[in-house]
């Protein structure tokens, strides 16, 4: 069963007990997360053959604008955080997956 098929009353990273101040009462965040991963995968597949893309610049070629606005808005600091911690690593992982390069976790 995928995440989108699950129903829940409250959810937070680490469980509601770990972050009771951040309850998730619906699937909005999960829907955005699923859409972001899907966007990264789809866009990366079309860019996989471009050898000019590197870990440092791949984030510039994938469109995470809508997701960024939904999560961080126009805040410059949060935008830098979003790019450094989400869009660039996600884009790089999606590109490596599209190029059939193994992604080693925890290594």
C-alpha atoms as a PDB file:
ATOM      1  CA  UNK A   1       0.000   0.000   0.000  1.00  0.00           C
ATOM      2  CA  UNK A   2       1.460   3.377  -1.018  1.00  0.00           C
ATOM      3  CA  UNK A   3       1.481   6.418   1.236  1.00  0.00           C
ATOM      4  CA  UNK A   4      -1.263   8.103  -0.766  1.00  0.00           C
ATOM      5  CA  UNK A   5      -3.634   5.220  -0.010  1.00  0.00           C
ATOM      6  CA  UNK A   6      -3.212   5.409   3.754  1.00  0.00           C
ATOM      7  CA  UNK A   7      -5.571   7.319   5.975  1.00  0.00           C
ATOM      8  CA  UNK A   8      -4.606   8.828   9.278  1.00  0.00           C
ATOM      9  CA  UNK A   9      -5.705  11.360  11.830  1.00  0.00           C
ATOM     10  CA  UNK A  10      -2.295  12.693  12.868  1.00  0.00           C
ATOM     11  CA  UNK A  11       1.170  12.108  11.618  1.00  0.00           C
ATOM     12  CA  UNK A  12       4.525  13.785  12.055  1.00  0.00           C
ATOM     13  CA  UNK A  13       8.096  12.798  11.365  1.00  0.00           C
ATOM     14  CA  UNK A  14       9.008  10.364  14.109  1.00  0.00           C
ATOM     15  CA  UNK A  15       5.374   9.984  15.150  1.00  0.00           C
ATOM     16  CA  UNK A  16       3.010  12.359  16.888  1.00  0.00           C
ATOM     17  CA  UNK A  17       4.752  11.819  20.231  1.00  0.00           C
ATOM     18  CA  UNK A  18       8.046  13.073  18.783  1.00  0.00           C
ATOM     19  CA  UNK A  19       6.563  16.325  17.469  1.00  0.00           C
ATOM     20  CA  UNK A  20       3.165  17.018  19.071  1.00  0.00           C
ATOM     21  CA  UNK A  21       3.381  20.685  18.045  1.00  0.00           C
ATOM     22  CA  UNK A  22       3.408  19.732  14.355  1.00  0.00           C
ATOM     23  CA  UNK A  23       0.320  17.623  13.771  1.00  0.00           C
ATOM     24  CA  UNK A  24      -0.489  16.637  10.223  1.00  0.00           C
ATOM     25  CA  UNK A  25      -4.240  16.409   9.974  1.00  0.00           C
ATOM     26  CA  UNK A  26      -4.508  15.522   6.301  1.00  0.00           C
ATOM     27  CA  UNK A  27      -2.417  14.240   3.410  1.00  0.00           C
ATOM     28  CA  UNK A  28      -1.447  17.634   1.982  1.00  0.00           C
ATOM     29  CA  UNK A  29       2.247  17.336   2.843  1.00  0.00           C
ATOM     30  CA  UNK A  30       2.404  13.731   1.628  1.00  0.00           C
ATOM     31  CA  UNK A  31       0.680  14.714  -1.616  1.00  0.00           C
ATOM     32  CA  UNK A  32       3.251  17.495  -2.125  1.00  0.00           C
ATOM     33  CA  UNK A  33       6.117  15.139  -1.319  1.00  0.00           C
ATOM     34  CA  UNK A  34       4.831  12.485  -3.725  1.00  0.00           C
ATOM     35  CA  UNK A  35       4.406  15.136  -6.445  1.00  0.00           C
ATOM     36  CA  UNK A  36       7.952  16.418  -5.844  1.00  0.00           C
ATOM     37  CA  UNK A  37       9.506  12.964  -6.130  1.00  0.00           C
ATOM     38  CA  UNK A  38       7.447  12.268  -9.244  1.00  0.00           C
ATOM     39  CA  UNK A  39       8.505  15.607 -10.769  1.00  0.00           C
ATOM     40  CA  UNK A  40      12.172  14.903 -10.045  1.00  0.00           C
ATOM     41  CA  UNK A  41      11.954  11.423 -11.554  1.00  0.00           C
ATOM     42  CA  UNK A  42      10.094  12.551 -14.671  1.00  0.00           C
ATOM     43  CA  UNK A  43      12.349  15.526 -15.370  1.00  0.00           C
ATOM     44  CA  UNK A  44      15.527  13.602 -14.627  1.00  0.00           C
ATOM     45  CA  UNK A  45      14.617  10.865 -17.077  1.00  0.00           C
ATOM     46  CA  UNK A  46      14.615  13.400 -19.912  1.00  0.00           C
ATOM     47  CA  UNK A  47      17.938  14.900 -18.750  1.00  0.00           C
ATOM     48  CA  UNK A  48      19.800  11.661 -18.023  1.00  0.00           C
ATOM     49  CA  UNK A  49      21.790  11.674 -21.272  1.00  0.00           C
ATOM     50  CA  UNK A  50      23.203  15.165 -20.661  1.00  0.00           C
ATOM     51  CA  UNK A  51      26.756  14.627 -19.360  1.00  0.00           C
ATOM     52  CA  UNK A  52      27.076  18.331 -18.500  1.00  0.00           C
ATOM     53  CA  UNK A  53      24.796  17.840 -15.496  1.00  0.00           C
ATOM     54  CA  UNK A  54      26.675  17.408 -12.246  1.00  0.00           C
ATOM     55  CA  UNK A  55      25.804  17.231  -8.578  1.00  0.00           C
ATOM     56  CA  UNK A  56      26.489  20.947  -8.310  1.00  0.00           C
ATOM     57  CA  UNK A  57      24.260  22.155 -11.125  1.00  0.00           C
ATOM     58  CA  UNK A  58      21.490  19.585 -11.586  1.00  0.00           C
ATOM     59  CA  UNK A  59      19.143  21.402  -9.206  1.00  0.00           C
ATOM     60  CA  UNK A  60      19.060  24.362 -11.594  1.00  0.00           C
ATOM     61  CA  UNK A  61      17.541  22.206 -14.326  1.00  0.00           C
ATOM     62  CA  UNK A  62      14.646  20.686 -12.392  1.00  0.00           C
ATOM     63  CA  UNK A  63      11.576  22.776 -11.653  1.00  0.00           C
ATOM     64  CA  UNK A  64      10.766  22.696  -7.943  1.00  0.00           C
ATOM     65  CA  UNK A  65       9.345  26.231  -7.978  1.00  0.00           C
ATOM     66  CA  UNK A  66       5.786  25.286  -7.050  1.00  0.00           C
ATOM     67  CA  UNK A  67       6.860  22.972  -4.237  1.00  0.00           C
ATOM     68  CA  UNK A  68       9.331  25.564  -2.930  1.00  0.00           C
ATOM     69  CA  UNK A  69       6.625  28.223  -2.825  1.00  0.00           C
ATOM     70  CA  UNK A  70       4.240  25.856  -1.024  1.00  0.00           C
ATOM     71  CA  UNK A  71       6.796  24.939   1.612  1.00  0.00           C
ATOM     72  CA  UNK A  72       8.998  28.011   2.170  1.00  0.00           C
ATOM     73  CA  UNK A  73       7.297  30.876   0.340  1.00  0.00           C
ATOM     74  CA  UNK A  74       9.479  33.866  -0.509  1.00  0.00           C
ATOM     75  CA  UNK A  75      11.762  33.700   2.517  1.00  0.00           C
ATOM     76  CA  UNK A  76      15.378  33.946   1.228  1.00  0.00           C
ATOM     77  CA  UNK A  77      16.915  31.930   4.078  1.00  0.00           C
ATOM     78  CA  UNK A  78      14.356  29.141   3.806  1.00  0.00           C
ATOM     79  CA  UNK A  79      14.828  29.144   0.018  1.00  0.00           C
ATOM     80  CA  UNK A  80      18.577  28.547   0.476  1.00  0.00           C
ATOM     81  CA  UNK A  81      17.789  25.805   2.988  1.00  0.00           C
ATOM     82  CA  UNK A  82      15.237  24.223   0.609  1.00  0.00           C
ATOM     83  CA  UNK A  83      17.723  24.246  -2.271  1.00  0.00           C
ATOM     84  CA  UNK A  84      20.591  22.883  -0.169  1.00  0.00           C
ATOM     85  CA  UNK A  85      18.621  20.228   1.716  1.00  0.00           C
ATOM     86  CA  UNK A  86      15.882  19.235  -0.712  1.00  0.00           C
ATOM     87  CA  UNK A  87      15.992  20.281  -4.357  1.00  0.00           C
ATOM     88  CA  UNK A  88      19.686  19.742  -5.093  1.00  0.00           C
ATOM     89  CA  UNK A  89      20.037  16.375  -3.293  1.00  0.00           C
ATOM     90  CA  UNK A  90      16.691  15.147  -4.665  1.00  0.00           C
ATOM     91  CA  UNK A  91      17.547  16.217  -8.200  1.00  0.00           C
ATOM     92  CA  UNK A  92      20.970  14.531  -7.989  1.00  0.00           C
ATOM     93  CA  UNK A  93      19.478  11.282  -6.657  1.00  0.00           C
ATOM     94  CA  UNK A  94      16.766  11.278  -9.327  1.00  0.00           C
ATOM     95  CA  UNK A  95      19.351  11.906 -12.039  1.00  0.00           C
ATOM     96  CA  UNK A  96      21.576   9.086 -10.762  1.00  0.00           C
ATOM     97  CA  UNK A  97      18.552   6.795 -10.724  1.00  0.00           C
ATOM     98  CA  UNK A  98      17.661   7.802 -14.302  1.00  0.00           C
ATOM     99  CA  UNK A  99      21.262   7.058 -15.351  1.00  0.00           C
ATOM    100  CA  UNK A 100      21.018   3.627 -13.628  1.00  0.00           C
ATOM    101  CA  UNK A 101      23.807   4.479 -11.184  1.00  0.00           C
ATOM    102  CA  UNK A 102      23.436   2.593  -7.897  1.00  0.00           C
ATOM    103  CA  UNK A 103      22.520   4.780  -4.947  1.00  0.00           C
ATOM    104  CA  UNK A 104      24.172   3.466  -1.796  1.00  0.00           C
ATOM    105  CA  UNK A 105      22.376   4.425   1.392  1.00  0.00           C
ATOM    106  CA  UNK A 106      24.295   4.924   4.604  1.00  0.00           C
ATOM    107  CA  UNK A 107      27.650   4.489   2.919  1.00  0.00           C
END
